[in-house]
Each structure stands twice: as C-alpha cells, then as structure tokens.
Amino acid sequence: MTNGALNGILNNYSILEDSVPKFSEVKDTSEEKDFASILKNAITDSLQDTQQLIDFAEKGELEMAIGKADNTYDLMIAQNKASMAVAYTVAVRDRLLESYRTIMNMQV
C-alpha cells in the first residue's frame, strides 16, 4: 500500500483522525538513543507540563482575586490539576532516587 492509500483509510475514521498520525508523520524508531537522553527528555517534558499547570492555576487565582473571573468551579479544577501534577512529579522523583540508590548499592 502507498502512503496515500493508508492516509485515505485513516481519514475515513473520523474518531481516529485526531489521535492517529499520518503514515508519513510516523518517525523512524530504528535510530538508537541512550537511556539517559530518553530519561532526560521524559523528565524535562513532565516538569514543563507540571509548571504549565501551576502557572495556569496561579493565573486563575489572580483573576479571581482582582475580580476578572467569577467561576470558582474552574479555579478549583485548575488548582486540583496542579496539585495532582506536583504530587505525581514528586512521586516520580522519589522513585527515581530510590532506583538510583538501589543501583549504587549493588555489589559488582
């Protein structure tokens, strides 16, 4: 099958249209990457997402304080998302540190 035929089949499914990348957009995964770079990218992306959620919650708090926003429901949701993201980030950090300590204590 050609790329055009595969794209045509994928586009027929409107539910999958946004979630499935086009055949030509799929990256070649045969390129080898080391574990450190994969881990660094994952941690960096996670920290950036967490920071964005915190910033959004703080912006909502400021808008509520100065009277620009009146929907407390959206503010509560933003604060809970930020809180859960921080808790998740801390849990991942703790697990990474625990794994590192375990590896460092192994006898070779």
C-alpha atoms as a PDB file:
ATOM      1  CA  MET A   1       0.000   0.000   0.000  1.00  0.00           C
ATOM      2  CA  THR A   2       1.139   3.503  -0.660  1.00  0.00           C
ATOM      3  CA  ASN A   3       1.189   6.383   1.796  1.00  0.00           C
ATOM      4  CA  GLY A   4      -1.801   7.961   0.055  1.00  0.00           C
ATOM      5  CA  ALA A   5      -3.884   4.797   0.373  1.00  0.00           C
ATOM      6  CA  LEU A   6      -3.059   4.458   4.073  1.00  0.00           C
ATOM      7  CA  ASN A   7      -3.855   8.117   4.713  1.00  0.00           C
ATOM      8  CA  GLY A   8      -7.178   7.690   2.901  1.00  0.00           C
ATOM      9  CA  ILE A   9      -8.093   4.709   5.079  1.00  0.00           C
ATOM     10  CA  LEU A  10      -7.119   6.520   8.284  1.00  0.00           C
ATOM     11  CA  ASN A  11      -9.047   9.643   7.297  1.00  0.00           C
ATOM     12  CA  ASN A  12     -12.248   7.612   6.831  1.00  0.00           C
ATOM     13  CA  TYR A  13     -12.345   7.052  10.574  1.00  0.00           C
ATOM     14  CA  SER A  14     -13.258  10.478  11.925  1.00  0.00           C
ATOM     15  CA  ILE A  15     -12.877   9.309  15.531  1.00  0.00           C
ATOM     16  CA  LEU A  16      -9.264   8.366  14.945  1.00  0.00           C
ATOM     17  CA  GLU A  17      -8.435  11.332  12.745  1.00  0.00           C
ATOM     18  CA  ASP A  18      -7.010  13.493  15.540  1.00  0.00           C
ATOM     19  CA  SER A  19      -5.331  10.714  17.504  1.00  0.00           C
ATOM     20  CA  VAL A  20      -3.643   8.739  14.730  1.00  0.00           C
ATOM     21  CA  PRO A  21      -0.648  10.321  12.996  1.00  0.00           C
ATOM     22  CA  LYS A  22      -0.484  10.294   9.236  1.00  0.00           C
ATOM     23  CA  PHE A  23       1.595   7.455   7.817  1.00  0.00           C
ATOM     24  CA  SER A  24       4.236   9.878   6.570  1.00  0.00           C
ATOM     25  CA  GLU A  25       4.453  11.524  10.005  1.00  0.00           C
ATOM     26  CA  VAL A  26       5.468   8.349  11.848  1.00  0.00           C
ATOM     27  CA  LYS A  27       9.075   8.728  12.895  1.00  0.00           C
ATOM     28  CA  ASP A  28      11.684   6.124  12.217  1.00  0.00           C
ATOM     29  CA  THR A  29      12.355   4.426  15.557  1.00  0.00           C
ATOM     30  CA  SER A  30      15.329   2.444  14.300  1.00  0.00           C
ATOM     31  CA  GLU A  31      17.593   5.249  15.480  1.00  0.00           C
ATOM     32  CA  GLU A  32      19.256   4.197  18.717  1.00  0.00           C
ATOM     33  CA  LYS A  33      19.049   6.502  21.692  1.00  0.00           C
ATOM     34  CA  ASP A  34      20.695   6.015  25.014  1.00  0.00           C
ATOM     35  CA  PHE A  35      18.661   5.621  28.180  1.00  0.00           C
ATOM     36  CA  ALA A  36      19.984   8.840  29.705  1.00  0.00           C
ATOM     37  CA  SER A  37      18.691  11.019  26.849  1.00  0.00           C
ATOM     38  CA  ILE A  38      15.281   9.308  26.869  1.00  0.00           C
ATOM     39  CA  LEU A  39      15.022   9.769  30.638  1.00  0.00           C
ATOM     40  CA  LYS A  40      16.162  13.391  30.420  1.00  0.00           C
ATOM     41  CA  ASN A  41      13.537  14.193  27.758  1.00  0.00           C
ATOM     42  CA  ALA A  42      10.785  12.491  29.769  1.00  0.00           C
ATOM     43  CA  ILE A  43      11.696  14.349  32.943  1.00  0.00           C
ATOM     44  CA  THR A  44      12.003  17.687  31.150  1.00  0.00           C
ATOM     45  CA  ASP A  45       8.608  17.261  29.461  1.00  0.00           C
ATOM     46  CA  SER A  46       6.992  16.236  32.740  1.00  0.00           C
ATOM     47  CA  LEU A  47       8.427  19.221  34.594  1.00  0.00           C
ATOM     48  CA  GLN A  48       7.312  21.615  31.864  1.00  0.00           C
ATOM     49  CA  ASP A  49       3.768  20.205  31.928  1.00  0.00           C
ATOM     50  CA  THR A  50       3.657  20.490  35.713  1.00  0.00           C
ATOM     51  CA  GLN A  51       4.898  24.074  35.581  1.00  0.00           C
ATOM     52  CA  GLN A  52       2.258  24.979  32.988  1.00  0.00           C
ATOM     53  CA  LEU A  53      -0.490  23.595  35.231  1.00  0.00           C
ATOM     54  CA  ILE A  54       0.870  25.534  38.218  1.00  0.00           C
ATOM     55  CA  ASP A  55       1.077  28.737  36.178  1.00  0.00           C
ATOM     56  CA  PHE A  56      -2.499  28.278  34.918  1.00  0.00           C
ATOM     57  CA  ALA A  57      -3.782  27.766  38.480  1.00  0.00           C
ATOM     58  CA  GLU A  58      -1.908  30.840  39.713  1.00  0.00           C
ATOM     59  CA  LYS A  59      -3.288  32.907  36.835  1.00  0.00           C
ATOM     60  CA  GLY A  60      -6.796  31.769  37.760  1.00  0.00           C
ATOM     61  CA  GLU A  61      -6.199  32.719  41.389  1.00  0.00           C
ATOM     62  CA  LEU A  62      -5.027  36.186  40.374  1.00  0.00           C
ATOM     63  CA  GLU A  63      -8.009  36.705  38.071  1.00  0.00           C
ATOM     64  CA  MET A  64     -10.340  35.621  40.856  1.00  0.00           C
ATOM     65  CA  ALA A  65      -8.641  37.963  43.324  1.00  0.00           C
ATOM     66  CA  ILE A  66      -8.928  41.032  41.093  1.00  0.00           C
ATOM     67  CA  GLY A  67     -12.491  40.215  40.059  1.00  0.00           C
ATOM     68  CA  LYS A  68     -11.978  39.286  36.395  1.00  0.00           C
ATOM     69  CA  ALA A  69     -13.209  35.722  36.955  1.00  0.00           C
ATOM     70  CA  ASP A  70     -16.245  34.595  38.873  1.00  0.00           C
ATOM     71  CA  ASN A  71     -16.315  30.860  38.158  1.00  0.00           C
ATOM     72  CA  THR A  72     -14.903  29.159  41.252  1.00  0.00           C
ATOM     73  CA  TYR A  73     -15.506  25.742  39.722  1.00  0.00           C
ATOM     74  CA  ASP A  74     -12.870  26.265  37.002  1.00  0.00           C
ATOM     75  CA  LEU A  75     -10.427  27.643  39.561  1.00  0.00           C
ATOM     76  CA  MET A  76     -10.912  24.621  41.801  1.00  0.00           C
ATOM     77  CA  ILE A  77     -10.322  22.257  38.868  1.00  0.00           C
ATOM     78  CA  ALA A  78      -7.142  24.104  37.859  1.00  0.00           C
ATOM     79  CA  GLN A  79      -5.843  24.005  41.436  1.00  0.00           C
ATOM     80  CA  ASN A  80      -6.579  20.291  41.761  1.00  0.00           C
ATOM     81  CA  LYS A  81      -4.849  19.547  38.449  1.00  0.00           C
ATOM     82  CA  ALA A  82      -1.790  21.495  39.580  1.00  0.00           C
ATOM     83  CA  SER A  83      -1.797  19.771  42.960  1.00  0.00           C
ATOM     84  CA  MET A  84      -2.051  16.313  41.396  1.00  0.00           C
ATOM     85  CA  ALA A  85       0.700  17.140  38.888  1.00  0.00           C
ATOM     86  CA  VAL A  86       3.028  18.236  41.701  1.00  0.00           C
ATOM     87  CA  ALA A  87       2.218  15.111  43.729  1.00  0.00           C
ATOM     88  CA  TYR A  88       2.864  12.912  40.686  1.00  0.00           C
ATOM     89  CA  THR A  89       6.129  14.696  39.904  1.00  0.00           C
ATOM     90  CA  VAL A  90       7.325  14.288  43.489  1.00  0.00           C
ATOM     91  CA  ALA A  91       6.373  10.599  43.454  1.00  0.00           C
ATOM     92  CA  VAL A  92       8.286  10.031  40.216  1.00  0.00           C
ATOM     93  CA  ARG A  93      11.299  11.886  41.620  1.00  0.00           C
ATOM     94  CA  ASP A  94      11.223   9.758  44.772  1.00  0.00           C
ATOM     95  CA  ARG A  95      11.049   6.548  42.757  1.00  0.00           C
ATOM     96  CA  LEU A  96      13.933   7.648  40.543  1.00  0.00           C
ATOM     97  CA  LEU A  97      16.060   8.467  43.589  1.00  0.00           C
ATOM     98  CA  GLU A  98      15.166   5.150  45.196  1.00  0.00           C
ATOM     99  CA  SER A  99      16.123   3.312  41.990  1.00  0.00           C
ATOM    100  CA  TYR A 100      19.388   5.234  41.759  1.00  0.00           C
ATOM    101  CA  ARG A 101      20.277   4.387  45.376  1.00  0.00           C
ATOM    102  CA  THR A 102      19.445   0.728  44.778  1.00  0.00           C
ATOM    103  CA  ILE A 103      21.671   0.604  41.718  1.00  0.00           C
ATOM    104  CA  MET A 104      24.505   2.376  43.510  1.00  0.00           C
ATOM    105  CA  ASN A 105      24.322  -0.093  46.425  1.00  0.00           C
ATOM    106  CA  MET A 106      24.588  -3.133  44.158  1.00  0.00           C
ATOM    107  CA  GLN A 107      27.751  -5.118  44.506  1.00  0.00           C
ATOM    108  CA  VAL A 108      29.588  -5.776  41.287  1.00  0.00           C
END
